Amino acid sequence: MEGFGAGKVILLGEHSVVYGHPALAGPLSYGVTARAVPAKRCQLSLPGTLSRPQRALLTRAFQRVATLCGEPGVKVTLESELPLSMGLGSSGALAVASTRVLLKAAGRDDSPQEVARLALEMEQEFHGTPSGVDHTTSALEKLLLYKRTPGQSTGRLKVLKSPRPLKVLVALVGDRSPTKHTVGALRERQARWPERYTRLFKQIGTLAAEGAKAVEDGDLEALGDAMNVNQGLLAALGLSSPQLEDMVYRLRGLGALGAKLTGAGGDGGAVIGLFLEPEPAVKKLLDDGVRCFSSQLAGPRAL
């Protein structure tokens, strides 16, 4: 028995989503798969390569959702296609995959809405007060305009449909700074100059709403332009770096309609580019030794 949790990218709106502004996020075709086999008790089998703190955290998070699922008699193993700590929603995907397989094993409702509701428990163990966008996008596997409810880790969402294929290239650059460091430094600046940073967050939220309309209109050029502007604002917020900027401009030079960092940002992480056809750029980057892949987030798919 298996459960899958998709990774995610934020096309528009990271960081500002934490402050109650909308974000545009989509599911990747890559993610985490949880597999369950019968066992005397409900348990999570972890690889020996994890550190003791990592094992303890994963065990606590798993037990939290296992209890809510009735602790079915299964042993669960995890297999991830996602790089860790690169802004692609690996923890949200893990939470969704684990929750989905536990609900199946317990013979319980495993609808996307129920999976999202319980996966939040694991995400809260991982992050304390997450925005909710990661595990929600993973559970629903839809392109979403998501707006967090103030003070909560849930929010209102709108599922978006695109009349055109929406394809991105994801490039991995260096090692990302710990999210708590990046977010903490931003929060300090925001507290020092609240009016300035409130304006920037609001503008990023406006771009996300405009990007959602562009998706529904099939105007990928407008969506790409919004991504480019969003990148400029993220840089203004102090969230980019020379190596991220280099990859942003490299993707644009390879034909991206828009390119920006995705996730927390910092010294490294993931950069996304919106392409009509990303495969030639993927091949070029792979030949140059860049870790990258492509994924379709929405729209009609080729038969």
Protein backbone atom coordinates (compact mmCIF):
# COMPACT_ATOMS: atom_id res chain seq x y z
CA MET A 1 0.00 0.00 0.00
CA GLU A 2 1.33 3.40 -1.00
CA GLY A 3 0.70 7.09 -0.45
CA PHE A 4 2.23 9.90 -2.50
CA GLY A 5 2.91 13.50 -1.51
CA ALA A 6 3.87 15.95 -4.24
CA GLY A 7 6.57 18.54 -3.84
CA LYS A 8 5.67 22.14 -4.61
CA VAL A 9 6.99 25.37 -6.05
CA ILE A 10 5.75 28.85 -5.25
CA LEU A 11 5.41 30.79 -8.47
CA LEU A 12 4.54 34.02 -6.70
CA GLY A 13 4.18 35.11 -3.09
CA GLU A 14 6.66 33.37 -0.79
CA HIS A 15 7.26 35.12 2.54
CA SER A 16 4.36 37.54 2.03
CA VAL A 17 1.99 34.57 2.40
CA VAL A 18 3.07 34.34 6.05
CA TYR A 19 1.68 37.86 6.57
CA GLY A 20 -1.75 37.08 5.12
CA HIS A 21 -1.20 37.89 1.44
CA PRO A 22 -2.00 35.41 -1.36
CA ALA A 23 0.54 33.06 -2.91
CA LEU A 24 0.42 31.16 -6.19
CA ALA A 25 1.73 27.61 -5.75
CA GLY A 26 1.73 24.45 -7.84
CA PRO A 27 2.49 20.74 -7.32
CA LEU A 28 5.55 19.06 -8.79
CA SER A 29 5.48 15.66 -10.43
CA TYR A 30 8.25 14.70 -8.00
CA GLY A 31 7.61 14.02 -4.34
CA VAL A 32 7.69 11.53 -1.47
CA THR A 33 6.24 8.01 -1.52
CA ALA A 34 5.25 6.28 1.71
CA ARG A 35 4.89 2.49 1.65
CA ALA A 36 3.17 0.44 4.36
CA VAL A 37 3.40 -3.28 5.12
CA PRO A 38 1.59 -5.19 7.92
CA ALA A 39 3.27 -5.04 11.32
CA LYS A 40 2.45 -5.73 14.96
CA ARG A 41 2.37 -2.01 15.72
CA CYS A 42 2.27 1.27 13.87
CA GLN A 43 5.84 2.40 13.26
CA LEU A 44 8.07 4.43 10.96
CA SER A 45 11.23 2.82 9.60
CA LEU A 46 13.98 5.39 9.09
CA PRO A 47 17.32 5.12 7.26
CA GLY A 48 20.45 5.00 9.37
CA THR A 49 21.91 8.00 7.54
CA LEU A 50 19.75 10.44 9.54
CA SER A 51 21.14 12.17 12.59
CA ARG A 52 19.69 11.50 16.02
CA PRO A 53 17.82 14.86 16.14
CA GLN A 54 16.38 14.24 12.65
CA ARG A 55 15.21 10.77 13.65
CA ALA A 56 13.62 12.10 16.83
CA LEU A 57 11.79 14.87 14.96
CA LEU A 58 10.46 12.55 12.26
CA THR A 59 9.36 9.99 14.83
CA ARG A 60 7.47 12.62 16.86
CA ALA A 61 5.78 14.02 13.78
CA PHE A 62 4.82 10.56 12.50
CA GLN A 63 3.44 9.51 15.88
CA ARG A 64 1.35 12.66 16.04
CA VAL A 65 -0.55 11.81 12.84
CA ALA A 66 -0.49 8.05 13.47
CA THR A 67 -2.44 8.61 16.69
CA LEU A 68 -5.06 10.62 14.81
CA CYS A 69 -5.35 7.81 12.23
CA GLY A 70 -5.96 5.16 14.91
CA GLU A 71 -2.44 3.68 14.79
CA PRO A 72 -3.06 0.99 12.16
CA GLY A 73 -0.75 -2.04 12.38
CA VAL A 74 1.73 -1.15 9.65
CA LYS A 75 5.40 -0.33 9.22
CA VAL A 76 5.92 2.69 6.99
CA THR A 77 9.00 3.44 4.91
CA LEU A 78 9.66 6.63 2.97
CA GLU A 79 11.29 7.26 -0.40
CA SER A 80 11.92 10.82 -1.55
CA GLU A 81 12.67 12.18 -5.01
CA LEU A 82 13.04 15.70 -3.61
CA PRO A 83 16.23 17.35 -2.40
CA LEU A 84 15.92 18.32 1.25
CA SER A 85 15.85 21.92 2.44
CA MET A 86 15.80 23.48 -1.02
CA GLY A 87 12.40 25.17 -0.94
CA LEU A 88 10.49 22.43 -2.77
CA GLY A 89 8.18 21.42 0.06
CA SER A 90 9.89 18.18 1.05
CA SER A 91 8.50 18.20 4.60
CA GLY A 92 4.98 18.94 3.37
CA ALA A 93 5.25 16.13 0.83
CA LEU A 94 6.48 13.76 3.53
CA ALA A 95 3.57 14.73 5.79
CA VAL A 96 1.04 14.17 3.01
CA ALA A 97 2.53 10.84 1.91
CA SER A 98 2.65 9.52 5.49
CA THR A 99 -0.87 10.70 6.29
CA ARG A 100 -2.30 9.28 3.07
CA VAL A 101 -0.84 5.80 3.59
CA LEU A 102 -1.90 5.72 7.26
CA LEU A 103 -5.47 6.66 6.39
CA LYS A 104 -5.55 3.96 3.71
CA ALA A 105 -4.17 1.38 6.14
CA ALA A 106 -6.82 2.34 8.69
CA GLY A 107 -9.62 2.13 6.14
CA ARG A 108 -10.40 5.79 6.75
CA ASP A 109 -11.39 8.63 4.43
CA ASP A 110 -8.30 9.58 2.44
CA SER A 111 -9.80 12.43 0.44
CA PRO A 112 -7.40 15.28 -0.35
CA GLN A 113 -9.20 17.52 2.14
CA GLU A 114 -8.87 15.00 4.99
CA VAL A 115 -5.25 14.30 4.10
CA ALA A 116 -4.50 18.03 4.20
CA ARG A 117 -6.27 18.44 7.54
CA LEU A 118 -4.22 15.72 9.25
CA ALA A 119 -0.93 16.38 7.43
CA LEU A 120 -0.99 19.83 9.04
CA GLU A 121 -0.27 18.09 12.35
CA MET A 122 3.07 16.83 11.03
CA GLU A 123 3.90 20.19 9.45
CA GLN A 124 3.28 21.90 12.78
CA GLU A 125 5.71 19.50 14.41
CA PHE A 126 8.29 20.34 11.75
CA HIS A 127 7.79 24.12 11.56
CA GLY A 128 5.67 25.30 14.48
CA THR A 129 3.41 27.70 12.61
CA PRO A 130 3.71 26.94 8.87
CA SER A 131 1.86 29.03 6.31
CA GLY A 132 -0.04 25.92 5.23
CA VAL A 133 0.66 26.39 1.53
CA ASP A 134 3.12 23.47 1.22
CA HIS A 135 1.05 20.58 2.55
CA THR A 136 -2.18 21.97 1.05
CA THR A 137 -0.69 22.16 -2.45
CA SER A 138 0.79 18.68 -1.99
CA ALA A 139 -2.46 17.09 -0.80
CA LEU A 140 -4.69 18.63 -3.46
CA GLU A 141 -2.11 18.33 -6.30
CA LYS A 142 -3.62 21.41 -7.93
CA LEU A 143 -2.38 24.86 -8.86
CA LEU A 144 -3.66 27.08 -6.06
CA LEU A 145 -4.07 30.70 -5.11
CA TYR A 146 -3.72 30.35 -1.36
CA LYS A 147 -4.29 32.94 1.35
CA ARG A 148 -3.48 32.13 4.94
CA THR A 149 -6.01 32.85 7.65
CA PRO A 150 -4.35 35.28 10.11
CA GLY A 151 -2.92 33.50 13.14
CA GLN A 152 -3.56 30.03 11.73
CA SER A 153 -1.81 27.42 9.58
CA THR A 154 -4.79 27.02 7.28
CA GLY A 155 -6.29 29.34 4.74
CA ARG A 156 -8.66 30.05 1.88
CA LEU A 157 -7.81 28.73 -1.54
CA LYS A 158 -8.88 28.85 -5.13
CA VAL A 159 -8.05 26.01 -7.53
CA LEU A 160 -6.82 27.43 -10.82
CA LYS A 161 -7.16 25.97 -14.29
CA SER A 162 -4.95 26.96 -17.19
CA PRO A 163 -5.96 26.64 -20.85
CA ARG A 164 -2.26 26.29 -21.71
CA PRO A 165 0.39 23.91 -20.36
CA LEU A 166 2.20 25.57 -17.47
CA LYS A 167 5.72 24.15 -17.39
CA VAL A 168 8.63 25.09 -15.17
CA LEU A 169 12.29 24.24 -15.00
CA VAL A 170 13.63 23.83 -11.47
CA ALA A 171 17.38 24.41 -10.99
CA LEU A 172 19.18 23.71 -7.72
CA VAL A 173 21.88 26.16 -6.68
CA GLY A 174 24.36 25.58 -3.86
CA ASP A 175 23.20 24.93 -0.30
CA ARG A 176 20.29 26.90 1.06
CA SER A 177 20.57 28.80 4.33
CA PRO A 178 18.43 27.40 7.17
CA THR A 179 14.91 28.77 6.74
CA LYS A 180 14.74 30.00 10.33
CA HIS A 181 17.83 32.17 9.77
CA THR A 182 16.48 33.69 6.56
CA VAL A 183 13.01 34.25 8.00
CA GLY A 184 14.39 35.56 11.30
CA ALA A 185 16.59 38.15 9.60
CA LEU A 186 13.67 39.28 7.44
CA ARG A 187 11.42 39.55 10.47
CA GLU A 188 14.00 41.77 12.20
CA ARG A 189 14.12 44.13 9.22
CA GLN A 190 10.34 44.12 9.00
CA ALA A 191 10.06 45.05 12.67
CA ARG A 192 12.58 47.87 12.25
CA TRP A 193 10.95 49.39 9.15
CA PRO A 194 7.36 48.10 9.26
CA GLU A 195 5.75 50.53 6.82
CA ARG A 196 8.34 49.88 4.11
CA TYR A 197 8.20 46.11 4.42
CA THR A 198 4.41 46.06 4.68
CA ARG A 199 4.28 47.84 1.30
CA LEU A 200 6.61 45.25 -0.23
CA PHE A 201 4.65 42.29 1.14
CA LYS A 202 1.41 43.80 -0.13
CA GLN A 203 2.90 44.32 -3.59
CA ILE A 204 4.04 40.69 -3.72
CA GLY A 205 0.52 39.60 -2.80
CA THR A 206 -0.87 41.78 -5.59
CA LEU A 207 1.50 40.10 -8.05
CA ALA A 208 0.24 36.68 -6.92
CA ALA A 209 -3.36 37.72 -7.60
CA GLU A 210 -2.38 39.14 -10.99
CA GLY A 211 -0.47 35.94 -11.75
CA ALA A 212 -3.52 33.84 -10.93
CA LYS A 213 -5.59 35.84 -13.43
CA ALA A 214 -2.85 35.44 -16.03
CA VAL A 215 -2.95 31.65 -15.51
CA GLU A 216 -6.71 31.52 -16.04
CA ASP A 217 -6.42 33.75 -19.12
CA GLY A 218 -3.66 31.58 -20.57
CA ASP A 219 -1.37 34.62 -20.63
CA LEU A 220 1.94 32.98 -19.78
CA GLU A 221 3.87 36.06 -20.83
CA ALA A 222 2.06 38.11 -18.17
CA LEU A 223 2.70 35.38 -15.60
CA GLY A 224 6.39 35.38 -16.50
CA ASP A 225 6.60 39.15 -16.16
CA ALA A 226 4.99 38.93 -12.70
CA MET A 227 7.61 36.35 -11.72
CA ASN A 228 10.41 38.66 -12.85
CA VAL A 229 9.00 41.57 -10.83
CA ASN A 230 8.52 39.27 -7.82
CA GLN A 231 12.19 38.32 -8.02
CA GLY A 232 13.15 41.98 -7.88
CA LEU A 233 11.04 42.44 -4.74
CA LEU A 234 12.52 39.32 -3.11
CA ALA A 235 15.97 40.72 -3.78
CA ALA A 236 14.87 44.03 -2.24
CA LEU A 237 13.75 42.08 0.84
CA GLY A 238 17.30 40.71 1.15
CA LEU A 239 16.31 37.14 0.25
CA SER A 240 18.39 36.57 -2.88
CA SER A 241 22.13 36.03 -3.38
CA PRO A 242 24.68 36.33 -6.20
CA GLN A 243 24.45 32.66 -7.11
CA LEU A 244 20.65 32.70 -7.12
CA GLU A 245 20.67 35.86 -9.24
CA ASP A 246 23.15 34.27 -11.66
CA MET A 247 20.80 31.31 -12.20
CA VAL A 248 17.78 33.59 -12.59
CA TYR A 249 19.50 35.47 -15.41
CA ARG A 250 20.84 32.24 -16.89
CA LEU A 251 17.32 30.82 -17.18
CA ARG A 252 16.05 34.02 -18.74
CA GLY A 253 18.91 33.82 -21.23
CA LEU A 254 17.82 30.28 -22.10
CA GLY A 255 14.34 31.49 -22.98
CA ALA A 256 12.40 31.58 -19.72
CA LEU A 257 9.35 33.84 -19.82
CA GLY A 258 10.06 34.57 -16.17
CA ALA A 259 12.49 33.29 -13.53
CA LYS A 260 12.85 33.71 -9.78
CA LEU A 261 13.92 31.96 -6.63
CA THR A 262 11.30 29.78 -4.99
CA GLY A 263 11.00 29.13 -1.26
CA ALA A 264 12.85 30.87 1.54
CA GLY A 265 15.85 32.05 -0.49
CA GLY A 266 19.18 32.83 1.14
CA ASP A 267 22.63 31.79 -0.05
CA GLY A 268 21.29 29.00 -2.27
CA GLY A 269 18.20 26.97 -3.00
CA ALA A 270 15.90 26.44 -5.96
CA VAL A 271 15.33 28.75 -8.92
CA ILE A 272 12.36 28.26 -11.24
CA GLY A 273 11.91 29.35 -14.83
CA LEU A 274 8.61 29.40 -16.75
CA PHE A 275 9.13 27.93 -20.22
CA LEU A 276 6.93 27.07 -23.17
CA GLU A 277 9.19 24.04 -23.69
CA PRO A 278 11.78 23.57 -20.93
CA GLU A 279 13.50 20.41 -22.18
CA PRO A 280 16.18 22.07 -24.35
CA ALA A 281 17.18 24.26 -21.39
CA VAL A 282 17.15 21.23 -19.06
CA LYS A 283 19.52 19.39 -21.41
CA LYS A 284 21.84 22.39 -21.66
CA LEU A 285 22.03 22.81 -17.88
CA LEU A 286 22.49 19.08 -17.23
CA ASP A 287 25.34 19.04 -19.75
CA ASP A 288 26.88 21.90 -17.76
CA GLY A 289 26.59 19.98 -14.50
CA VAL A 290 23.59 21.85 -13.05
CA ARG A 291 21.11 19.81 -11.02
CA CYS A 292 17.73 20.49 -12.58
CA PHE A 293 14.47 18.99 -13.82
CA SER A 294 11.20 20.08 -15.41
CA SER A 295 7.62 19.66 -14.28
CA GLN A 296 4.18 20.61 -15.56
CA LEU A 297 2.10 22.33 -12.89
CA ALA A 298 -1.21 22.76 -14.71
CA GLY A 299 -2.92 22.83 -18.09
CA PRO A 300 -3.65 20.24 -20.78
CA ARG A 301 -1.15 17.42 -21.12
CA ALA A 302 0.10 15.75 -24.28
CA LEU A 303 -1.42 12.36 -24.95
